[in-house]
Protein backbone atom coordinates (compact mmCIF):
# COMPACT_ATOMS: atom_id res chain seq x y z
CA MET A 1 -6.40 -32.14 13.27
CA ASN A 2 -5.35 -33.25 9.86
CA GLU A 3 -7.02 -30.30 8.24
CA GLU A 4 -5.28 -27.83 10.53
CA ALA A 5 -1.92 -29.57 9.64
CA ARG A 6 -2.75 -29.40 6.06
CA ALA A 7 -3.61 -25.73 6.29
CA GLN A 8 -0.29 -25.02 8.03
CA GLN A 9 1.64 -26.79 5.31
CA ASP A 10 -0.30 -24.84 2.60
CA GLU A 11 0.41 -21.43 4.11
CA PRO A 12 4.00 -21.43 2.85
CA GLU A 13 2.81 -22.41 -0.56
CA LEU A 14 0.11 -19.68 -0.54
CA LEU A 15 2.88 -17.11 0.51
CA ARG A 16 5.16 -18.31 -2.24
CA ASP A 17 2.44 -18.10 -4.72
CA GLN A 18 1.53 -14.52 -3.68
CA VAL A 19 5.25 -13.52 -3.92
CA GLN A 20 5.43 -14.94 -7.43
CA GLN A 21 2.24 -13.14 -8.44
CA VAL A 22 3.65 -9.89 -7.11
CA LEU A 23 6.87 -10.42 -9.00
CA ARG A 24 5.01 -11.03 -12.26
CA HIS A 25 4.20 -7.32 -12.32
CA ARG A 26 7.72 -6.47 -13.23
CA VAL A 27 6.97 -3.23 -14.97
CA LEU A 28 5.52 -1.83 -11.74
CA VAL A 29 8.35 -2.99 -9.62
CA VAL A 30 11.12 -1.98 -11.97
CA GLY A 31 9.32 1.30 -12.67
CA GLY A 32 8.99 2.11 -9.00
CA LEU A 33 12.80 1.19 -8.57
CA VAL A 34 13.78 3.47 -11.47
CA ALA A 35 11.59 6.34 -10.29
CA GLY A 36 13.06 5.99 -6.81
CA LEU A 37 16.63 6.13 -8.11
CA LEU A 38 15.78 9.16 -10.36
CA ALA A 39 14.24 10.99 -7.39
CA GLY A 40 17.27 10.18 -5.09
CA SER A 41 19.66 11.42 -7.87
CA TRP A 42 17.79 14.51 -8.28
CA PHE A 43 17.86 15.30 -4.53
CA ALA A 44 21.68 14.39 -4.58
CA PHE A 45 22.73 16.28 -7.59
CA GLY A 46 20.00 18.74 -8.20
CA SER A 47 19.89 20.54 -4.89
CA SER A 48 22.68 22.79 -3.68
CA PRO A 49 24.55 21.67 -0.51
CA THR A 50 23.71 23.40 2.78
CA TYR A 51 25.92 23.91 5.83
CA GLU A 52 24.89 24.25 9.38
CA SER A 53 26.60 26.23 12.25
CA SER A 54 25.57 26.89 15.86
CA SER A 55 26.25 29.56 18.53
CA GLU A 56 25.10 29.31 22.19
CA VAL A 57 24.25 32.10 24.60
CA LEU A 58 23.83 31.85 28.41
CA VAL A 59 20.85 33.95 29.37
CA ARG A 60 20.94 35.90 32.68
CA ALA A 61 18.67 38.36 34.56
CA ALA A 62 19.52 41.86 35.70
CA THR A 63 20.68 41.83 39.32
CA ILE A 64 22.69 43.82 41.88
CA ASN A 65 24.65 41.01 43.28
CA PRO A 66 24.72 37.90 41.04
CA TYR A 67 26.38 35.88 43.91
CA ALA A 68 23.78 36.62 46.42
CA THR A 69 22.24 33.54 48.12
CA SER A 70 19.24 35.03 49.78
CA GLY A 71 16.17 36.18 47.93
CA VAL A 72 14.43 34.95 44.89
CA SER A 73 16.75 32.98 42.62
CA VAL A 74 17.93 34.66 39.42
CA ASP A 75 16.84 31.67 37.41
CA LYS A 76 13.28 32.16 38.55
CA GLN A 77 13.18 35.61 37.10
CA ILE A 78 13.67 34.23 33.49
CA SER A 79 11.04 32.48 31.38
CA ILE A 80 13.31 30.60 28.99
CA SER A 81 10.41 29.72 26.64
CA SER A 82 9.59 33.41 26.41
CA GLU A 83 13.29 34.09 25.64
CA ARG A 84 13.23 31.41 22.91
CA GLN A 85 10.33 33.13 21.35
CA MET A 86 11.96 36.55 21.57
CA ALA A 87 15.11 35.17 19.96
CA GLY A 88 13.29 33.96 16.80
CA GLY A 89 11.13 37.09 16.46
CA ASN A 90 11.20 39.79 13.85
CA ALA A 91 12.88 42.35 16.04
CA VAL A 92 15.96 40.22 16.61
CA ALA A 93 15.94 39.13 12.89
CA ALA A 94 15.97 42.81 11.75
CA ARG A 95 18.98 43.46 14.01
CA ALA A 96 20.66 40.36 12.58
CA ALA A 97 19.96 41.45 9.05
CA ALA A 98 21.57 44.91 9.76
CA LYS A 99 24.66 42.98 11.05
CA LEU A 100 24.93 40.85 8.01
CA GLY A 101 24.43 43.78 5.76
CA ARG A 102 21.02 42.42 4.26
CA GLU A 103 18.05 44.40 3.26
CA PRO A 104 15.14 44.76 5.69
CA GLY A 105 13.04 42.66 3.31
CA ASP A 106 15.30 39.61 3.84
CA VAL A 107 14.03 39.23 7.49
CA GLY A 108 11.67 36.43 6.56
CA ALA A 109 14.29 34.52 4.59
CA LEU A 110 16.69 34.81 7.54
CA GLN A 111 14.20 33.51 9.98
CA ARG A 112 13.54 30.44 7.78
CA HIS A 113 17.22 29.53 7.95
CA LEU A 114 17.26 29.88 11.77
CA GLN A 115 16.33 27.47 14.56
CA VAL A 116 16.48 28.35 18.27
CA THR A 117 16.42 25.54 20.80
CA ASN A 118 16.88 25.34 24.57
CA PRO A 119 18.71 22.29 26.01
CA PRO A 120 16.67 20.84 28.80
CA ASN A 121 17.18 22.23 32.42
CA THR A 122 19.51 25.04 31.22
CA LEU A 123 19.27 28.85 30.57
CA VAL A 124 21.07 28.36 27.27
CA LEU A 125 19.69 29.37 23.90
CA LYS A 126 21.29 27.65 20.87
CA PHE A 127 21.16 29.55 17.54
CA THR A 128 21.43 27.19 14.56
CA TYR A 129 21.71 28.74 11.21
CA VAL A 130 21.71 27.06 7.85
CA GLY A 131 23.63 28.74 5.06
CA THR A 132 24.82 27.98 1.46
CA THR A 133 28.55 28.04 2.52
CA PRO A 134 30.20 27.28 5.79
CA LYS A 135 31.28 30.85 6.53
CA ALA A 136 27.84 32.08 5.75
CA ALA A 137 26.31 29.72 8.28
CA ALA A 138 28.87 30.68 10.93
CA ARG A 139 28.32 34.41 10.41
CA GLY A 140 24.51 33.99 10.54
CA ALA A 141 24.64 32.03 13.80
CA ASP A 142 26.90 34.64 15.43
CA ALA A 143 24.87 37.51 14.01
CA PHE A 144 21.56 36.24 15.54
CA ALA A 145 23.41 35.56 18.93
CA ALA A 146 24.76 39.13 18.99
CA ALA A 147 21.41 40.64 17.80
CA TYR A 148 19.56 38.91 20.60
CA LEU A 149 21.95 40.04 23.28
CA ASP A 150 21.70 43.72 21.92
CA TYR A 151 18.00 43.58 21.71
CA ARG A 152 17.65 42.22 25.32
CA GLN A 153 20.29 44.70 26.66
CA LYS A 154 18.32 47.66 25.05
CA GLN A 155 15.13 46.32 26.48
CA THR A 156 16.51 45.90 30.03
CA ALA A 157 18.22 49.22 29.96
CA GLY A 158 14.98 50.92 28.69
CA THR A 159 13.05 49.35 31.51
CA VAL A 160 15.51 50.55 34.20
CA ASN A 161 15.63 54.03 32.82
CA ALA A 162 11.88 54.29 32.79
CA MET A 163 11.58 53.18 36.38
CA ILE A 164 14.45 55.60 37.54
CA SER A 165 12.58 58.40 35.76
CA GLY A 166 9.26 57.54 37.43
CA TYR A 167 10.91 57.47 40.83
CA LYS A 168 12.49 60.85 40.27
CA LYS A 169 9.21 62.45 39.43
CA GLN A 170 7.94 61.22 42.71
CA LEU A 171 10.98 62.34 44.60
CA ASN A 172 11.20 65.91 43.35
CA PRO A 173 7.83 67.10 44.84
CA LEU A 174 8.68 65.49 48.16
CA THR A 175 12.14 67.18 48.24
CA LYS A 176 10.58 70.64 47.59
CA GLN A 177 7.84 69.98 50.31
CA ARG A 178 10.51 69.06 52.79
CA GLN A 179 12.51 72.11 52.07
CA ASP A 180 9.32 74.34 52.46
CA LEU A 181 8.55 72.58 55.77
CA LEU A 182 12.15 73.12 57.09
CA ASP A 183 11.71 76.90 56.28
CA GLN A 184 8.41 77.01 58.25
CA ILE A 185 10.03 75.14 61.22
CA ASP A 186 12.57 77.90 61.59
CA GLN A 187 9.91 80.55 61.82
CA LEU A 188 7.61 78.80 64.30
CA GLN A 189 7.66 79.75 68.05
CA ASP A 190 4.88 77.56 69.40
CA ASP A 191 6.31 74.31 70.60
CA THR A 192 3.08 72.47 69.84
CA GLU A 193 2.99 73.58 66.20
CA LYS A 194 6.76 73.06 65.99
CA GLY A 195 6.44 69.42 67.19
CA THR A 196 3.76 68.80 64.59
CA ALA A 197 5.99 70.26 61.80
CA LEU A 198 8.91 68.18 62.76
CA ALA A 199 6.71 65.13 62.75
CA ALA A 200 5.65 65.90 59.23
CA GLN A 201 9.16 66.56 58.17
CA ALA A 202 10.29 63.22 59.53
CA ASN A 203 7.59 61.42 57.50
CA LEU A 204 8.69 63.26 54.38
CA LEU A 205 12.30 62.37 55.03
CA SER A 206 11.38 58.66 55.32
CA GLN A 207 9.62 58.77 51.84
CA ILE A 208 12.58 60.68 50.38
CA THR A 209 14.93 58.15 51.75
CA GLU A 210 13.00 55.11 50.35
CA LEU A 211 12.68 56.61 46.80
CA THR A 212 16.45 57.48 46.94
CA ASN A 213 17.22 53.88 47.87
CA ASP A 214 15.10 52.61 44.99
CA ILE A 215 16.80 54.76 42.60
CA SER A 216 20.15 53.74 43.85
CA GLU A 217 19.23 50.15 43.49
CA LEU A 218 18.13 50.56 39.90
CA GLN A 219 21.25 52.50 39.05
CA ALA A 220 23.40 49.79 40.53
CA LEU A 221 21.73 46.96 38.45
CA ASP A 222 23.98 44.89 36.30
CA THR A 223 21.84 44.73 32.98
CA THR A 224 24.24 42.44 31.12
CA PRO A 225 21.65 40.12 29.27
CA GLY A 226 23.90 37.07 28.90
CA TYR A 227 27.14 35.74 27.45
CA VAL A 228 28.05 33.97 24.32
CA THR A 229 29.42 30.58 25.54
CA VAL A 230 29.97 28.95 22.06
CA THR A 231 31.06 30.81 19.00
CA ALA A 232 29.95 29.49 15.66
CA GLU A 233 32.55 27.75 13.67
CA PRO A 234 32.41 27.12 9.88
CA ALA A 235 31.02 23.62 9.18
CA THR A 236 33.50 21.04 7.85
CA GLY A 237 30.87 19.27 5.76
CA ALA A 238 27.55 19.58 4.15
CA GLU A 239 24.31 18.55 5.99
CA GLY A 240 22.24 15.79 4.69
CA LEU A 241 22.68 12.06 3.98
CA GLY A 242 25.28 12.35 1.30
CA LYS A 243 24.83 11.47 -2.38
CA PRO A 244 25.26 7.73 -2.31
CA LEU A 245 22.97 7.37 0.61
CA LEU A 246 20.26 9.62 -0.97
CA ILE A 247 20.43 7.63 -4.19
CA GLY A 248 20.26 4.33 -2.19
CA LEU A 249 17.45 5.60 -0.01
CA GLY A 250 15.53 6.67 -3.14
CA GLY A 251 15.99 3.29 -4.69
CA VAL A 252 14.70 1.50 -1.55
CA VAL A 253 11.74 3.90 -1.31
CA GLY A 254 10.90 3.52 -5.02
CA LEU A 255 11.29 -0.37 -4.76
CA ALA A 256 8.88 -0.41 -1.73
CA LEU A 257 6.48 1.68 -3.62
CA GLY A 258 6.76 -0.59 -6.66
CA LEU A 259 6.13 -3.65 -4.66
CA LEU A 260 3.24 -2.02 -3.07
CA GLY A 261 1.77 -1.03 -6.47
CA ALA A 262 2.43 -4.72 -7.64
CA TRP A 263 0.64 -6.08 -4.63
CA LEU A 264 -2.31 -3.76 -5.07
CA ARG A 265 -2.44 -4.77 -8.76
CA MET A 266 -2.39 -8.30 -7.75
CA VAL A 267 -5.21 -7.90 -5.20
CA PHE A 268 -7.49 -5.98 -7.47
CA ASP A 269 -6.46 -7.88 -10.61
CA PRO A 270 -9.48 -10.25 -11.52
CA ALA A 271 -7.23 -12.43 -13.73
CA ALA A 272 -6.09 -15.78 -12.26
CA ARG A 273 -2.45 -15.23 -13.53
CA SER A 274 -0.87 -18.35 -11.89
CA GLU A 275 -1.34 -22.13 -12.10
CA ASP A 276 -2.08 -22.38 -8.45
CA THR A 277 -4.88 -19.88 -8.58
CA VAL A 278 -6.45 -21.65 -11.54
CA ALA A 279 -6.13 -24.97 -9.77
CA ARG A 280 -7.71 -23.52 -6.55
CA ALA A 281 -10.55 -21.98 -8.43
CA LEU A 282 -11.43 -25.14 -10.45
CA ARG A 283 -10.42 -27.57 -7.65
CA ALA A 284 -8.66 -29.64 -10.29
CA PRO A 285 -5.06 -30.11 -11.23
CA VAL A 286 -3.21 -28.31 -14.04
CA LEU A 287 -2.51 -31.12 -16.70
CA GLY A 288 -0.14 -29.11 -18.77
CA ALA A 289 0.91 -25.64 -19.81
CA LEU A 290 1.16 -25.07 -23.56
CA PRO A 291 3.31 -22.44 -25.07
CA ARG A 292 1.85 -19.87 -27.54
CA VAL A 293 -0.51 -21.93 -29.67
CA PRO A 294 -0.84 -20.85 -33.28
CA GLU A 295 -4.27 -21.05 -35.03
CA GLU A 296 -2.85 -22.89 -37.96
CA PRO A 297 -2.15 -25.68 -38.41
CA LEU A 298 -4.33 -27.32 -35.80
CA LEU A 299 -2.33 -30.52 -35.74
CA ALA A 300 1.08 -29.71 -33.99
CA ALA A 301 2.67 -33.19 -34.91
CA GLY A 302 4.72 -33.21 -38.05
CA HIS A 303 4.69 -29.43 -38.47
CA GLY A 304 8.04 -28.66 -36.83
CA ASP A 305 6.79 -27.65 -33.49
CA GLY A 306 8.17 -30.42 -31.49
CA LYS A 307 7.88 -28.71 -28.07
CA LEU A 308 4.22 -28.03 -28.60
CA ALA A 309 3.53 -31.58 -29.81
CA GLU A 310 5.42 -33.00 -26.75
CA GLN A 311 3.17 -30.85 -24.43
CA TYR A 312 0.06 -32.39 -25.98
CA ARG A 313 1.43 -35.81 -25.68
CA SER A 314 2.24 -35.35 -22.03
CA VAL A 315 -1.35 -34.22 -21.36
CA ALA A 316 -2.79 -37.10 -23.22
CA PHE A 317 -0.55 -39.64 -21.56
CA ARG A 318 -1.64 -38.35 -18.18
CA LEU A 319 -5.17 -38.78 -19.02
CA ALA A 320 -4.74 -42.14 -20.62
CA TYR A 321 -2.45 -43.76 -18.02
CA ASP A 322 -2.74 -41.83 -14.79
CA ARG A 323 -4.77 -43.87 -12.20
CA HIS A 324 -6.93 -40.87 -11.56
CA PHE A 325 -7.98 -40.51 -15.25
CA ALA A 326 -7.44 -44.02 -16.79
CA ASP A 327 -11.12 -44.90 -16.71
CA ARG A 328 -12.23 -41.46 -18.00
CA ARG A 329 -12.35 -42.08 -21.78
CA ARG A 330 -15.15 -39.64 -22.45
CA LEU A 331 -13.70 -36.13 -22.42
CA LEU A 332 -15.46 -32.87 -22.82
CA VAL A 333 -13.06 -29.99 -23.88
CA VAL A 334 -14.26 -26.46 -23.28
CA GLU A 335 -12.95 -22.97 -22.80
CA PRO A 336 -14.48 -20.16 -20.70
CA ASN A 337 -15.21 -17.39 -23.21
CA GLY A 338 -13.53 -18.35 -26.46
CA GLU A 339 -10.79 -15.92 -25.97
CA GLY A 340 -8.34 -17.53 -28.31
CA GLY A 341 -9.93 -20.68 -29.96
CA THR A 342 -7.36 -22.89 -28.28
CA ALA A 343 -9.88 -25.39 -27.21
CA SER A 344 -10.26 -26.77 -30.67
CA ALA A 345 -6.49 -27.16 -31.03
CA VAL A 346 -6.36 -29.01 -27.70
CA ALA A 347 -9.26 -31.29 -28.63
CA VAL A 348 -7.74 -32.14 -32.02
CA ASN A 349 -4.24 -32.84 -30.70
CA LEU A 350 -5.54 -34.90 -27.79
CA THR A 351 -7.49 -37.03 -30.18
CA ALA A 352 -4.47 -37.40 -32.28
CA CYS A 353 -2.37 -38.38 -29.29
CA PHE A 354 -4.88 -40.95 -28.18
CA ALA A 355 -4.76 -42.41 -31.77
CA GLU A 356 -0.96 -42.49 -31.48
CA THR A 357 -1.13 -44.67 -28.42
CA GLY A 358 -3.07 -47.22 -30.43
CA MET A 359 -6.55 -46.27 -29.24
CA THR A 360 -9.57 -45.95 -31.57
CA ALA A 361 -10.03 -42.13 -31.23
CA LEU A 362 -13.16 -40.22 -32.06
CA LEU A 363 -13.47 -36.47 -32.09
CA VAL A 364 -16.97 -35.05 -31.76
CA GLU A 365 -17.40 -31.41 -32.79
CA ALA A 366 -20.44 -30.50 -30.63
CA ASP A 367 -20.16 -26.80 -31.63
CA LEU A 368 -23.32 -26.55 -33.72
CA ARG A 369 -23.30 -22.77 -33.73
CA ARG A 370 -19.89 -22.02 -35.40
CA PRO A 371 -18.67 -25.36 -36.85
CA GLY A 372 -15.49 -25.38 -38.87
CA LEU A 373 -13.12 -28.18 -37.92
CA ARG A 374 -13.71 -30.22 -41.05
CA GLN A 375 -12.26 -27.41 -43.28
CA ARG A 376 -9.14 -27.01 -41.08
CA LEU A 377 -8.20 -30.68 -40.87
CA PRO A 378 -6.75 -32.93 -43.61
CA GLU A 379 -9.27 -35.67 -44.71
CA MET A 380 -8.71 -39.12 -45.94
CA THR A 381 -11.77 -39.80 -48.17
CA GLU A 382 -10.82 -43.34 -49.15
CA ILE A 383 -11.13 -44.68 -45.55
CA ARG A 384 -14.59 -45.18 -44.19
CA PRO A 385 -14.75 -44.87 -40.41
CA THR A 386 -15.72 -48.30 -38.76
CA TRP A 387 -18.39 -46.82 -36.51
CA ALA A 388 -20.22 -44.99 -39.16
CA GLY A 389 -23.85 -45.97 -39.80
CA ARG A 390 -24.12 -47.87 -36.42
CA ASP A 391 -27.16 -47.61 -34.24
CA GLY A 392 -29.05 -45.52 -36.61
CA LEU A 393 -26.76 -42.46 -36.49
CA ASP A 394 -27.45 -41.72 -40.16
CA GLY A 395 -31.02 -41.01 -39.37
CA ALA A 396 -30.40 -37.90 -37.39
CA PRO A 397 -29.51 -34.53 -38.85
CA TRP A 398 -26.58 -34.38 -36.43
CA PRO A 399 -24.55 -36.45 -35.55
CA GLY A 400 -25.77 -38.40 -38.68
CA GLY A 401 -24.38 -37.75 -42.03
CA ARG A 402 -21.06 -38.37 -43.72
CA PRO A 403 -18.23 -38.85 -41.07
CA VAL A 404 -14.62 -37.79 -41.79
CA THR A 405 -11.30 -39.69 -41.28
CA VAL A 406 -8.71 -37.24 -40.39
CA ASP A 407 -4.96 -37.84 -41.52
CA ALA A 408 -3.00 -37.00 -38.27
CA GLY A 409 0.37 -37.66 -39.91
CA GLU A 410 2.79 -39.66 -37.83
CA SER A 411 0.14 -39.95 -35.04
CA GLY A 412 -2.09 -42.03 -37.44
CA THR A 413 -5.67 -41.36 -38.06
CA PHE A 414 -8.74 -40.58 -36.06
CA GLU A 415 -12.39 -40.14 -36.82
CA LEU A 416 -14.18 -36.76 -36.70
CA VAL A 417 -17.87 -36.08 -36.46
CA PRO A 418 -18.03 -32.55 -37.87
CA GLY A 419 -20.43 -30.04 -36.46
CA ALA A 420 -23.38 -28.79 -38.51
CA ARG A 421 -25.87 -25.95 -38.09
CA VAL A 422 -29.15 -27.21 -36.71
CA PRO A 423 -32.38 -25.54 -35.89
CA HIS A 424 -32.58 -26.50 -32.21
CA VAL A 425 -29.11 -26.86 -30.74
CA ALA A 426 -30.06 -27.99 -27.14
CA ARG A 427 -32.61 -30.54 -28.33
CA THR A 428 -29.94 -31.98 -30.72
CA LEU A 429 -27.27 -32.20 -28.11
CA THR A 430 -29.54 -33.91 -25.68
CA SER A 431 -30.94 -36.39 -28.38
CA PRO A 432 -30.57 -40.23 -28.10
CA ALA A 433 -28.28 -40.06 -31.21
CA THR A 434 -25.77 -37.93 -29.44
CA THR A 435 -25.86 -40.18 -26.50
CA ARG A 436 -25.20 -43.18 -28.57
CA LEU A 437 -22.37 -41.40 -30.36
CA ILE A 438 -20.58 -40.67 -27.21
CA ASP A 439 -21.17 -44.17 -25.93
CA GLN A 440 -18.75 -45.36 -28.55
CA ALA A 441 -16.18 -44.96 -25.78
CA ASP A 442 -17.53 -48.05 -24.09
CA ALA A 443 -15.83 -50.19 -26.74
CA LEU A 444 -12.50 -51.66 -25.81
CA ASN A 445 -9.48 -49.38 -26.22
CA THR A 446 -11.69 -46.46 -27.52
CA SER A 447 -11.66 -42.80 -26.42
CA VAL A 448 -14.17 -39.93 -27.36
CA VAL A 449 -13.27 -36.32 -27.12
CA VAL A 450 -16.02 -33.87 -27.48
CA LEU A 451 -15.46 -30.25 -28.29
CA ALA A 452 -18.14 -27.77 -27.11
CA PRO A 453 -18.65 -24.10 -27.32
CA PRO A 454 -17.37 -21.67 -24.65
CA VAL A 455 -19.21 -22.70 -21.47
CA LEU A 456 -19.80 -19.29 -20.26
CA SER A 457 -21.14 -17.99 -23.61
CA TYR A 458 -23.52 -20.93 -24.36
CA ALA A 459 -25.17 -23.67 -22.29
CA ASP A 460 -24.32 -26.27 -24.87
CA ALA A 461 -21.48 -27.72 -22.91
CA LEU A 462 -23.75 -28.13 -19.77
CA ALA A 463 -26.11 -30.18 -21.93
CA LEU A 464 -23.23 -32.69 -22.50
CA VAL A 465 -21.71 -32.83 -19.03
CA ASP A 466 -23.71 -35.81 -17.89
CA ARG A 467 -22.71 -37.83 -21.00
CA VAL A 468 -18.97 -37.69 -20.48
CA ASP A 469 -16.62 -38.85 -17.74
CA GLY A 470 -15.08 -35.56 -17.10
CA VAL A 471 -14.43 -31.97 -18.39
CA VAL A 472 -11.06 -30.55 -19.44
CA VAL A 473 -10.97 -26.76 -19.29
CA VAL A 474 -8.61 -24.82 -21.54
CA CYS A 475 -7.86 -21.24 -20.55
CA ASP A 476 -5.25 -18.56 -20.68
CA PRO A 477 -4.67 -17.62 -16.93
CA ARG A 478 -3.72 -14.00 -17.89
CA THR A 479 -7.10 -13.26 -19.34
CA VAL A 480 -9.62 -15.46 -17.47
CA SER A 481 -10.79 -14.16 -14.17
CA ARG A 482 -10.97 -16.25 -10.93
CA THR A 483 -14.65 -15.59 -10.64
CA ASP A 484 -15.30 -17.04 -14.11
CA LEU A 485 -13.32 -20.09 -13.22
CA GLU A 486 -15.28 -20.56 -10.01
CA ARG A 487 -18.57 -20.08 -11.95
CA ILE A 488 -17.44 -22.70 -14.53
CA ARG A 489 -16.77 -25.21 -11.78
CA GLU A 490 -20.21 -24.53 -10.14
CA LEU A 491 -22.00 -24.93 -13.52
CA ILE A 492 -20.33 -28.18 -14.26
CA GLU A 493 -20.86 -29.68 -10.84
CA GLY A 494 -24.43 -28.45 -10.73
CA ALA A 495 -24.95 -30.26 -14.07
CA GLY A 496 -23.67 -33.41 -12.60
CA GLY A 497 -20.20 -33.44 -14.12
CA GLN A 498 -16.64 -33.07 -12.77
CA VAL A 499 -13.55 -31.02 -13.83
CA LEU A 500 -10.78 -33.40 -14.49
CA GLY A 501 -8.16 -30.82 -15.07
CA VAL A 502 -6.88 -27.72 -16.71
CA VAL A 503 -4.79 -26.93 -19.79
CA LEU A 504 -3.19 -23.63 -19.68
CA HIS A 505 -1.89 -21.69 -22.55
CA GLN A 506 -0.21 -18.40 -23.29
CA GLY A 507 -2.25 -16.89 -25.97
CA GLY A 508 -1.05 -14.27 -28.21
CA ARG A 509 -2.92 -11.66 -30.31
CA GLN A 510 -5.12 -14.32 -31.96
CA ARG A 511 -8.43 -13.82 -33.52
CA ARG A 512 -11.32 -14.45 -31.06
CA SER A 513 -13.06 -16.63 -33.68
CA ARG A 514 -12.68 -20.37 -33.25
CA ARG A 515 -12.79 -20.82 -36.98
CA THR A 516 -11.20 -19.36 -40.01
CA PRO A 517 -13.09 -16.53 -41.93
CA ASP A 518 -14.52 -19.12 -44.26
CA ALA A 519 -15.29 -21.81 -41.61
CA GLY A 520 -18.81 -23.21 -41.78
CA ARG A 521 -19.01 -22.26 -45.57
CA PRO A 522 -18.14 -24.92 -48.39
CA ALA A 523 -14.87 -24.61 -50.07
CA ARG A 524 -15.04 -22.58 -53.41
CA GLY A 525 -16.20 -24.87 -56.13
CA VAL A 526 -17.78 -27.41 -53.88
CA ARG A 527 -21.55 -27.74 -53.52
CA PRO A 528 -22.71 -27.74 -49.83
CA GLU A 529 -24.27 -30.96 -48.64
CA ARG A 530 -27.87 -30.64 -47.73
CA PRO A 531 -29.71 -33.09 -45.37
CA ALA A 532 -32.15 -35.23 -47.21
CA PRO A 533 -35.94 -34.61 -46.82
CA ALA A 534 -36.24 -37.87 -44.96
CA ASP A 535 -33.50 -36.87 -42.44
CA LEU A 536 -35.39 -33.51 -41.75
CA ALA A 537 -38.63 -35.33 -41.28
CA ALA A 538 -36.98 -37.73 -38.75
CA ALA A 539 -35.42 -35.06 -36.72
CA PRO A 540 -38.19 -34.09 -34.50
CA ASP A 541 -38.69 -37.83 -33.51
CA SER A 542 -35.04 -38.27 -32.79
CA VAL A 543 -34.61 -35.26 -30.64
CA THR A 544 -37.78 -35.71 -28.60
CA SER A 545 -37.43 -39.43 -27.91
CA GLY A 546 -35.62 -39.03 -24.54
CA THR A 547 -32.04 -38.57 -23.15
CA ARG A 548 -29.52 -40.64 -21.49
């Protein structure tokens, strides 16, 4: 139950973190907003206004008596869907073009500006025409309504005339045959023959009467196709949403697209980006966030960058006095891939801050592949470190040799064990001499900071994890990926260590090398120090005699 309650409490935090990550992609959000505003402005000012006008026609069928109540209803004789198709067809459009004085080739353009609709449960056709001016829209709607009525009147009248002509063709032979039969009846003397002729004459008369009645009904038909019930009036305003609304709608759509793009960028962006993401990936708190860290000088105190120096002090004081870190006096400082060389600056300044608090601080440069701290730090040659020469450290190629006392300015001094190139790095880092060196932190009021190469580039840091009390990871959340941070945590925990915290920084365009171009080389005019033959002879014994 506690875990469920904790998860519910974390949901607003996760949502807030996601919103903050989305808003970090300001270029996409602002770009989408600007693009939407430009598109809305183009539609508002770049397109010409259009006007819409409508005319309505009541459709009726041809009938003798429109008020008759018996027989088939007139409404049943009309298929309104067919009438709507006819009204929007080419034949009606051609008649409308003639009424508007347009060329026959403009029929298609006129049809694109027309919309014919039918209100439900009515015999009304609504002709809606869109024009560039209010008068043009009204003229177009009226022209299409009149063209439809004319076309339907012509079609109905043509059908009636064709039927009358057909009936007359049937009537004329019957009339002639009856006349001939009447002449024969007048000449017959036999009553039997005369009765047969009269019966035939009555039959012909019945057919003639039926055809005559059909012709009379067709001639009496009212072929009026319908009536215009609503005449089109010029529109009082242009169609559309209006310029302000179009611009606002474009801005809203553009902002939505920009937020969508920023969200997709956040989802598919492998970089951690935020403090909360880094903390969740490493399962460790963020100890501090540094501003942009310059490569030189390494020591921030006393060089005018008070903000940077205070950030280092806050991280060091938290590690020294926080109850979660107070007993962790062996620290290993690493970075993921050496993206900016900031780990060396963090290690140096943390050691200086420990010295400022009154501790005996020792900085061990365990980067035996690209050493270079000694050339970048001010050395006090007249002071001999108190720990030098203890426990047989001078007998090992590294960390034996001449130690260095670093002048940290107003922070005091601390001791540095500079790195050196060795034939077998892993065996050297796991040697008893290295273990005894790091164990200097067991002394009262003493802290040891170990600087190792990038943990994802070399396995050197993992060889030191079980010799320290915790690991401090230094990274730029904008360049390191979440998967890399998770892998670092798994590697450190798998090696028996623990990530104490993270120090974030906003790295600029710094050189990827953690040393100056001449780092690892002796200064001009100074002969390089070489290990004595005795030291080299003792190296195999020292690195194979066991580990902590």
